[in-house]
Structures are given as C-alpha cells and as structure tokens.
Amino acid sequence: MLCTYTVPVRNSKGKTVALMGADVSLNWLSSVINARQIYPNSYNIVLSRDGLILVGPNESYILNRTIQDVTAHATDTTVHHINKQMMSGQSGHEKIKGIDGKKKIVFYAPIDGTTGWSMSVVCNERDIFADMRRTGAYMMVLSLFGLALLSFIVYRTAKSARSLREAYADKEAKIGRASCRERVKIS
C-alpha cells in the first residue's frame, strides 16, 4: 500500500514546470509512527481529509475503512466530534469512553496543512495518571508513617512527663515529711 505525495515545481515566473513526487509505503509509515508508543496501551491513528484511515492499530482498516465507519456505533458522541475536528484540520484533546469501557484521552492535530492529514494519539487515562496515583499512594504511606511516628513521640513525651510528675510529687512528699519532723523536733 502506497501513498503518493506530489507538489508542483515552479519557475521564477510562478509557472508550473514539473511535478515532484514521493511514494510512501503506508506499512512503513505505520511502523515508524507506532514504533514508540507514549504509554503501553496507547496507539496512533492518521486520517486523510476524508476520514480514510492511513495508519492505525488495526492494519486491515488501512485504506479500507473510514473513521466514521469504524466509530459509527460508538455510544460516546464525543468520538464523532473528534472525527469532525480531525477531518477539518483542528487540534485539541478530548476525554472519551472507549469501546472497552475504559476512559481514554484523545490528542489530535493536523500533520501538515497541504496534505489535509490529521494524527491522533489515543491513551488510556489510567496510563496517563498512573505515576501520579503511585506518587499519591507513596505520599499517603509516608503521611501515615509520619502520623504514627508523631503519635509515638507524643505518647513517649506524655509518659515521661507523667513519670517526672510522679517523681517530683514523691520528692515533695519526702521533703514535706522531713519538714514536718523538723517542726515536731523544734516544738
């Protein structure tokens, strides 16, 4: 499967004197675009201006299906909005509920104004926020540990203060008894 891209070559007067073109293998393009995924479950889609799938996770759709056909039965209407935005050359990001029921975030933008192609990256929301959730869990564990340590310190301080009070009271009692004996001797 090839895609041919041509541009006119013009002379100094602006007259078209030739066409320069390149054939790009869509299998090669797909492997280059999908060679490195942002997140483990993310995937990329490239659409023509008419919505024809040029690159996608399902190779049988390439040049055989449009994004409208593939998403026709989507229950989340945001998907249809994204399709229209991509085909009109807009960029943005939206949250959707995937066919698998998982929350996803779709980032999309035009590739080049002259081709009319658009690219989207679809990522599971869990993958995007996994590090943040993990950090939150660590913070919770550290907070609980800090609270336990603080409780232990307060407990030990209170116990030491009680022991100090008891020792002081005993000393006062001994001093009081000794003072009382001194008074009895004097009288």
C-alpha atoms as a PDB file:
ATOM      1  CA  MET A   1       0.000   0.000   0.000  1.00  0.00           C
ATOM      2  CA  LEU A   2       1.462   3.280  -1.130  1.00  0.00           C
ATOM      3  CA  CYS A   3       0.528   6.871  -0.773  1.00  0.00           C
ATOM      4  CA  THR A   4       1.849   9.282  -3.367  1.00  0.00           C
ATOM      5  CA  TYR A   5       2.529  12.878  -2.459  1.00  0.00           C
ATOM      6  CA  THR A   6       3.263  15.387  -5.213  1.00  0.00           C
ATOM      7  CA  VAL A   7       4.000  19.094  -5.260  1.00  0.00           C
ATOM      8  CA  PRO A   8       4.402  21.409  -8.214  1.00  0.00           C
ATOM      9  CA  VAL A   9       7.820  22.821  -9.039  1.00  0.00           C
ATOM     10  CA  ARG A  10       7.522  26.387 -10.311  1.00  0.00           C
ATOM     11  CA  ASN A  11       9.944  28.608 -12.178  1.00  0.00           C
ATOM     12  CA  SER A  12      10.770  32.188 -11.245  1.00  0.00           C
ATOM     13  CA  LYS A  13       7.608  33.415 -13.028  1.00  0.00           C
ATOM     14  CA  GLY A  14       5.382  31.059 -10.981  1.00  0.00           C
ATOM     15  CA  LYS A  15       4.656  28.724 -13.899  1.00  0.00           C
ATOM     16  CA  THR A  16       4.498  25.003 -13.082  1.00  0.00           C
ATOM     17  CA  VAL A  17       7.383  23.353 -14.914  1.00  0.00           C
ATOM     18  CA  ALA A  18       7.395  19.943 -13.210  1.00  0.00           C
ATOM     19  CA  LEU A  19       5.908  17.798 -10.506  1.00  0.00           C
ATOM     20  CA  MET A  20       7.970  16.303  -7.757  1.00  0.00           C
ATOM     21  CA  GLY A  21       6.533  13.312  -6.004  1.00  0.00           C
ATOM     22  CA  ALA A  22       7.289  10.665  -3.452  1.00  0.00           C
ATOM     23  CA  ASP A  23       5.700   7.295  -2.814  1.00  0.00           C
ATOM     24  CA  VAL A  24       5.410   6.426   0.839  1.00  0.00           C
ATOM     25  CA  SER A  25       4.671   2.894   1.941  1.00  0.00           C
ATOM     26  CA  LEU A  26       1.812   3.023   4.446  1.00  0.00           C
ATOM     27  CA  ASN A  27       3.163  -0.092   6.160  1.00  0.00           C
ATOM     28  CA  TRP A  28       6.486   1.689   6.634  1.00  0.00           C
ATOM     29  CA  LEU A  29       4.737   4.877   7.772  1.00  0.00           C
ATOM     30  CA  SER A  30       2.633   2.868  10.219  1.00  0.00           C
ATOM     31  CA  SER A  31       5.698   1.120  11.650  1.00  0.00           C
ATOM     32  CA  VAL A  32       7.536   4.452  12.028  1.00  0.00           C
ATOM     33  CA  ILE A  33       4.591   6.171  13.719  1.00  0.00           C
ATOM     34  CA  ASN A  34       3.834   3.240  16.008  1.00  0.00           C
ATOM     35  CA  ALA A  35       7.483   2.354  16.732  1.00  0.00           C
ATOM     36  CA  ARG A  36       7.439   4.185  20.035  1.00  0.00           C
ATOM     37  CA  GLN A  37       4.258   4.491  21.993  1.00  0.00           C
ATOM     38  CA  ILE A  38       3.883   7.121  24.683  1.00  0.00           C
ATOM     39  CA  TYR A  39       2.171   4.692  27.066  1.00  0.00           C
ATOM     40  CA  PRO A  40       1.908   0.893  26.990  1.00  0.00           C
ATOM     41  CA  ASN A  41      -1.718   0.860  25.789  1.00  0.00           C
ATOM     42  CA  SER A  42      -1.637   3.936  23.561  1.00  0.00           C
ATOM     43  CA  TYR A  43      -1.965   3.883  19.799  1.00  0.00           C
ATOM     44  CA  ASN A  44      -1.812   6.328  16.896  1.00  0.00           C
ATOM     45  CA  ILE A  45      -4.209   6.988  14.051  1.00  0.00           C
ATOM     46  CA  VAL A  46      -3.565   9.011  10.893  1.00  0.00           C
ATOM     47  CA  LEU A  47      -6.550  10.076   8.791  1.00  0.00           C
ATOM     48  CA  SER A  48      -6.909  11.604   5.366  1.00  0.00           C
ATOM     49  CA  ARG A  49      -9.044  14.727   4.989  1.00  0.00           C
ATOM     50  CA  ASP A  50     -11.969  12.422   4.105  1.00  0.00           C
ATOM     51  CA  GLY A  51     -11.503  10.288   7.222  1.00  0.00           C
ATOM     52  CA  LEU A  52      -9.825   7.349   5.457  1.00  0.00           C
ATOM     53  CA  ILE A  53      -7.594   5.506   7.910  1.00  0.00           C
ATOM     54  CA  LEU A  54      -3.983   5.706   6.705  1.00  0.00           C
ATOM     55  CA  VAL A  55      -2.292   4.473   9.909  1.00  0.00           C
ATOM     56  CA  GLY A  56      -3.934   2.700  12.801  1.00  0.00           C
ATOM     57  CA  PRO A  57      -3.756  -0.151  15.281  1.00  0.00           C
ATOM     58  CA  ASN A  58      -5.770  -2.460  13.022  1.00  0.00           C
ATOM     59  CA  GLU A  59      -3.881  -2.953   9.740  1.00  0.00           C
ATOM     60  CA  SER A  60      -6.958  -4.325   7.960  1.00  0.00           C
ATOM     61  CA  TYR A  61      -8.564  -0.867   8.270  1.00  0.00           C
ATOM     62  CA  ILE A  62      -5.729   0.916   6.461  1.00  0.00           C
ATOM     63  CA  LEU A  63      -7.079   2.338   3.176  1.00  0.00           C
ATOM     64  CA  ASN A  64     -10.158   0.113   3.576  1.00  0.00           C
ATOM     65  CA  ARG A  65     -12.212   1.886   6.223  1.00  0.00           C
ATOM     66  CA  THR A  66     -13.022   5.419   7.275  1.00  0.00           C
ATOM     67  CA  ILE A  67     -13.002   6.563  10.854  1.00  0.00           C
ATOM     68  CA  GLN A  68     -16.730   7.256  10.533  1.00  0.00           C
ATOM     69  CA  ASP A  69     -17.360   3.586   9.622  1.00  0.00           C
ATOM     70  CA  VAL A  70     -15.235   2.295  12.495  1.00  0.00           C
ATOM     71  CA  THR A  71     -16.837   4.600  15.091  1.00  0.00           C
ATOM     72  CA  ALA A  72     -20.399   4.538  13.723  1.00  0.00           C
ATOM     73  CA  HIS A  73     -21.696   2.517  16.684  1.00  0.00           C
ATOM     74  CA  ALA A  74     -19.770   4.442  19.352  1.00  0.00           C
ATOM     75  CA  THR A  75     -22.016   5.364  22.266  1.00  0.00           C
ATOM     76  CA  ASP A  76     -19.848   8.333  23.261  1.00  0.00           C
ATOM     77  CA  THR A  77     -20.841  11.218  20.982  1.00  0.00           C
ATOM     78  CA  THR A  78     -17.527  12.946  21.667  1.00  0.00           C
ATOM     79  CA  VAL A  79     -15.933  10.421  19.276  1.00  0.00           C
ATOM     80  CA  HIS A  80     -17.975  11.822  16.374  1.00  0.00           C
ATOM     81  CA  HIS A  81     -16.992  15.365  17.378  1.00  0.00           C
ATOM     82  CA  ILE A  82     -13.294  14.362  17.340  1.00  0.00           C
ATOM     83  CA  ASN A  83     -13.723  12.797  13.873  1.00  0.00           C
ATOM     84  CA  LYS A  84     -15.162  16.054  12.508  1.00  0.00           C
ATOM     85  CA  GLN A  85     -12.459  18.133  14.193  1.00  0.00           C
ATOM     86  CA  MET A  86      -9.679  15.958  12.764  1.00  0.00           C
ATOM     87  CA  MET A  87     -11.085  15.998   9.236  1.00  0.00           C
ATOM     88  CA  SER A  88     -11.413  19.786   9.359  1.00  0.00           C
ATOM     89  CA  GLY A  89      -7.770  20.186  10.412  1.00  0.00           C
ATOM     90  CA  GLN A  90      -8.394  21.209  14.011  1.00  0.00           C
ATOM     91  CA  SER A  91      -6.288  20.280  17.023  1.00  0.00           C
ATOM     92  CA  GLY A  92      -7.206  19.560  20.606  1.00  0.00           C
ATOM     93  CA  HIS A  93      -7.816  16.822  23.114  1.00  0.00           C
ATOM     94  CA  GLU A  94     -10.945  15.180  24.477  1.00  0.00           C
ATOM     95  CA  LYS A  95     -11.903  12.543  27.017  1.00  0.00           C
ATOM     96  CA  ILE A  96     -13.897   9.616  25.681  1.00  0.00           C
ATOM     97  CA  LYS A  97     -15.187   6.273  26.845  1.00  0.00           C
ATOM     98  CA  GLY A  98     -13.669   3.573  24.653  1.00  0.00           C
ATOM     99  CA  ILE A  99     -15.374   0.506  23.245  1.00  0.00           C
ATOM    100  CA  ASP A 100     -13.640  -1.458  26.009  1.00  0.00           C
ATOM    101  CA  GLY A 101     -15.375   0.762  28.590  1.00  0.00           C
ATOM    102  CA  LYS A 102     -12.137   2.412  29.696  1.00  0.00           C
ATOM    103  CA  LYS A 103     -11.698   6.172  29.881  1.00  0.00           C
ATOM    104  CA  LYS A 104      -9.321   7.440  27.225  1.00  0.00           C
ATOM    105  CA  ILE A 105      -7.889  10.780  26.227  1.00  0.00           C
ATOM    106  CA  VAL A 106      -7.500  11.536  22.527  1.00  0.00           C
ATOM    107  CA  PHE A 107      -4.930  14.131  21.469  1.00  0.00           C
ATOM    108  CA  TYR A 108      -5.256  15.216  17.831  1.00  0.00           C
ATOM    109  CA  ALA A 109      -3.674  17.703  15.436  1.00  0.00           C
ATOM    110  CA  PRO A 110      -3.171  18.234  11.709  1.00  0.00           C
ATOM    111  CA  ILE A 111       0.092  16.880  10.302  1.00  0.00           C
ATOM    112  CA  ASP A 112       0.566  19.404   7.522  1.00  0.00           C
ATOM    113  CA  GLY A 113      -1.808  21.954   6.088  1.00  0.00           C
ATOM    114  CA  THR A 114      -1.220  20.869   2.487  1.00  0.00           C
ATOM    115  CA  THR A 115      -1.983  17.144   2.877  1.00  0.00           C
ATOM    116  CA  GLY A 116      -5.120  17.507   4.955  1.00  0.00           C
ATOM    117  CA  TRP A 117      -3.958  14.601   7.114  1.00  0.00           C
ATOM    118  CA  SER A 118      -4.514  14.534  10.846  1.00  0.00           C
ATOM    119  CA  MET A 119      -2.963  12.417  13.546  1.00  0.00           C
ATOM    120  CA  SER A 120      -4.337  11.364  16.890  1.00  0.00           C
ATOM    121  CA  VAL A 121      -2.796   9.632  19.869  1.00  0.00           C
ATOM    122  CA  VAL A 122      -5.247   7.645  21.982  1.00  0.00           C
ATOM    123  CA  CYS A 123      -4.150   6.944  25.571  1.00  0.00           C
ATOM    124  CA  ASN A 124      -5.822   5.210  28.495  1.00  0.00           C
ATOM    125  CA  GLU A 125      -6.476   7.742  31.226  1.00  0.00           C
ATOM    126  CA  ARG A 126      -5.171   5.219  33.805  1.00  0.00           C
ATOM    127  CA  ASP A 127      -1.820   5.095  31.986  1.00  0.00           C
ATOM    128  CA  ILE A 128      -1.509   8.876  31.900  1.00  0.00           C
ATOM    129  CA  PHE A 129      -2.197   9.317  35.610  1.00  0.00           C
ATOM    130  CA  ALA A 130      -0.556   6.074  36.835  1.00  0.00           C
ATOM    131  CA  ASP A 131       2.591   7.832  38.067  1.00  0.00           C
ATOM    132  CA  MET A 132       0.526  10.472  39.833  1.00  0.00           C
ATOM    133  CA  ARG A 133      -1.603   7.798  41.543  1.00  0.00           C
ATOM    134  CA  ARG A 134       1.537   5.904  42.539  1.00  0.00           C
ATOM    135  CA  THR A 135       3.052   9.103  43.957  1.00  0.00           C
ATOM    136  CA  GLY A 136      -0.197   9.784  45.820  1.00  0.00           C
ATOM    137  CA  ALA A 137      -0.087   6.301  47.327  1.00  0.00           C
ATOM    138  CA  TYR A 138       3.539   6.827  48.431  1.00  0.00           C
ATOM    139  CA  MET A 139       2.589  10.168  49.961  1.00  0.00           C
ATOM    140  CA  MET A 140      -0.288   8.517  51.829  1.00  0.00           C
ATOM    141  CA  VAL A 141       2.018   5.806  53.212  1.00  0.00           C
ATOM    142  CA  LEU A 142       4.594   8.418  54.231  1.00  0.00           C
ATOM    143  CA  SER A 143       1.870  10.546  55.854  1.00  0.00           C
ATOM    144  CA  LEU A 144       0.578   7.559  57.809  1.00  0.00           C
ATOM    145  CA  PHE A 145       4.125   6.681  58.857  1.00  0.00           C
ATOM    146  CA  GLY A 146       4.714  10.302  59.932  1.00  0.00           C
ATOM    147  CA  LEU A 147       1.433  10.316  61.871  1.00  0.00           C
ATOM    148  CA  ALA A 148       2.389   7.050  63.611  1.00  0.00           C
ATOM    149  CA  LEU A 149       5.825   8.455  64.463  1.00  0.00           C
ATOM    150  CA  LEU A 150       4.293  11.682  65.783  1.00  0.00           C
ATOM    151  CA  SER A 151       1.803   9.662  67.879  1.00  0.00           C
ATOM    152  CA  PHE A 152       4.673   7.603  69.309  1.00  0.00           C
ATOM    153  CA  ILE A 153       6.623  10.771  70.185  1.00  0.00           C
ATOM    154  CA  VAL A 154       3.568  12.329  71.877  1.00  0.00           C
ATOM    155  CA  TYR A 155       2.922   9.084  73.789  1.00  0.00           C
ATOM    156  CA  ARG A 156       6.557   8.853  74.983  1.00  0.00           C
ATOM    157  CA  THR A 157       6.593  12.550  75.933  1.00  0.00           C
ATOM    158  CA  ALA A 158       3.350  12.196  77.912  1.00  0.00           C
ATOM    159  CA  LYS A 159       4.674   9.059  79.650  1.00  0.00           C
ATOM    160  CA  SER A 160       7.953  10.836  80.524  1.00  0.00           C
ATOM    161  CA  ALA A 161       6.043  13.875  81.807  1.00  0.00           C
ATOM    162  CA  ARG A 162       3.859  11.632  83.978  1.00  0.00           C
ATOM    163  CA  SER A 163       6.931   9.862  85.370  1.00  0.00           C
ATOM    164  CA  LEU A 164       8.571  13.236  86.045  1.00  0.00           C
ATOM    165  CA  ARG A 165       5.443  14.499  87.834  1.00  0.00           C
ATOM    166  CA  GLU A 166       5.291  11.332  89.955  1.00  0.00           C
ATOM    167  CA  ALA A 167       8.992  11.636  90.844  1.00  0.00           C
ATOM    168  CA  TYR A 168       8.518  15.317  91.706  1.00  0.00           C
ATOM    169  CA  ALA A 169       5.449  14.506  93.822  1.00  0.00           C
ATOM    170  CA  ASP A 170       7.399  11.788  95.687  1.00  0.00           C
ATOM    171  CA  LYS A 171      10.251  14.218  96.332  1.00  0.00           C
ATOM    172  CA  GLU A 172       7.823  16.875  97.534  1.00  0.00           C
ATOM    173  CA  ALA A 173       6.199  14.335  99.819  1.00  0.00           C
ATOM    174  CA  LYS A 174       9.585  13.334 101.280  1.00  0.00           C
ATOM    175  CA  ILE A 175      10.551  16.975 101.743  1.00  0.00           C
ATOM    176  CA  GLY A 176       7.161  17.659 103.328  1.00  0.00           C
ATOM    177  CA  ARG A 177       7.550  14.733 105.800  1.00  0.00           C
ATOM    178  CA  ALA A 178      11.087  15.790 106.655  1.00  0.00           C
ATOM    179  CA  SER A 179       9.956  19.368 107.205  1.00  0.00           C
ATOM    180  CA  CYS A 180       7.138  18.161 109.406  1.00  0.00           C
ATOM    181  CA  ARG A 181       9.580  16.128 111.523  1.00  0.00           C
ATOM    182  CA  GLU A 182      11.820  19.170 111.887  1.00  0.00           C
ATOM    183  CA  ARG A 183       8.879  21.207 113.192  1.00  0.00           C
ATOM    184  CA  VAL A 184       7.952  18.485 115.636  1.00  0.00           C
ATOM    185  CA  LYS A 185      11.548  18.379 116.967  1.00  0.00           C
ATOM    186  CA  ILE A 186      11.684  22.152 117.351  1.00  0.00           C
ATOM    187  CA  SER A 187       8.479  22.287 119.310  1.00  0.00           C
END
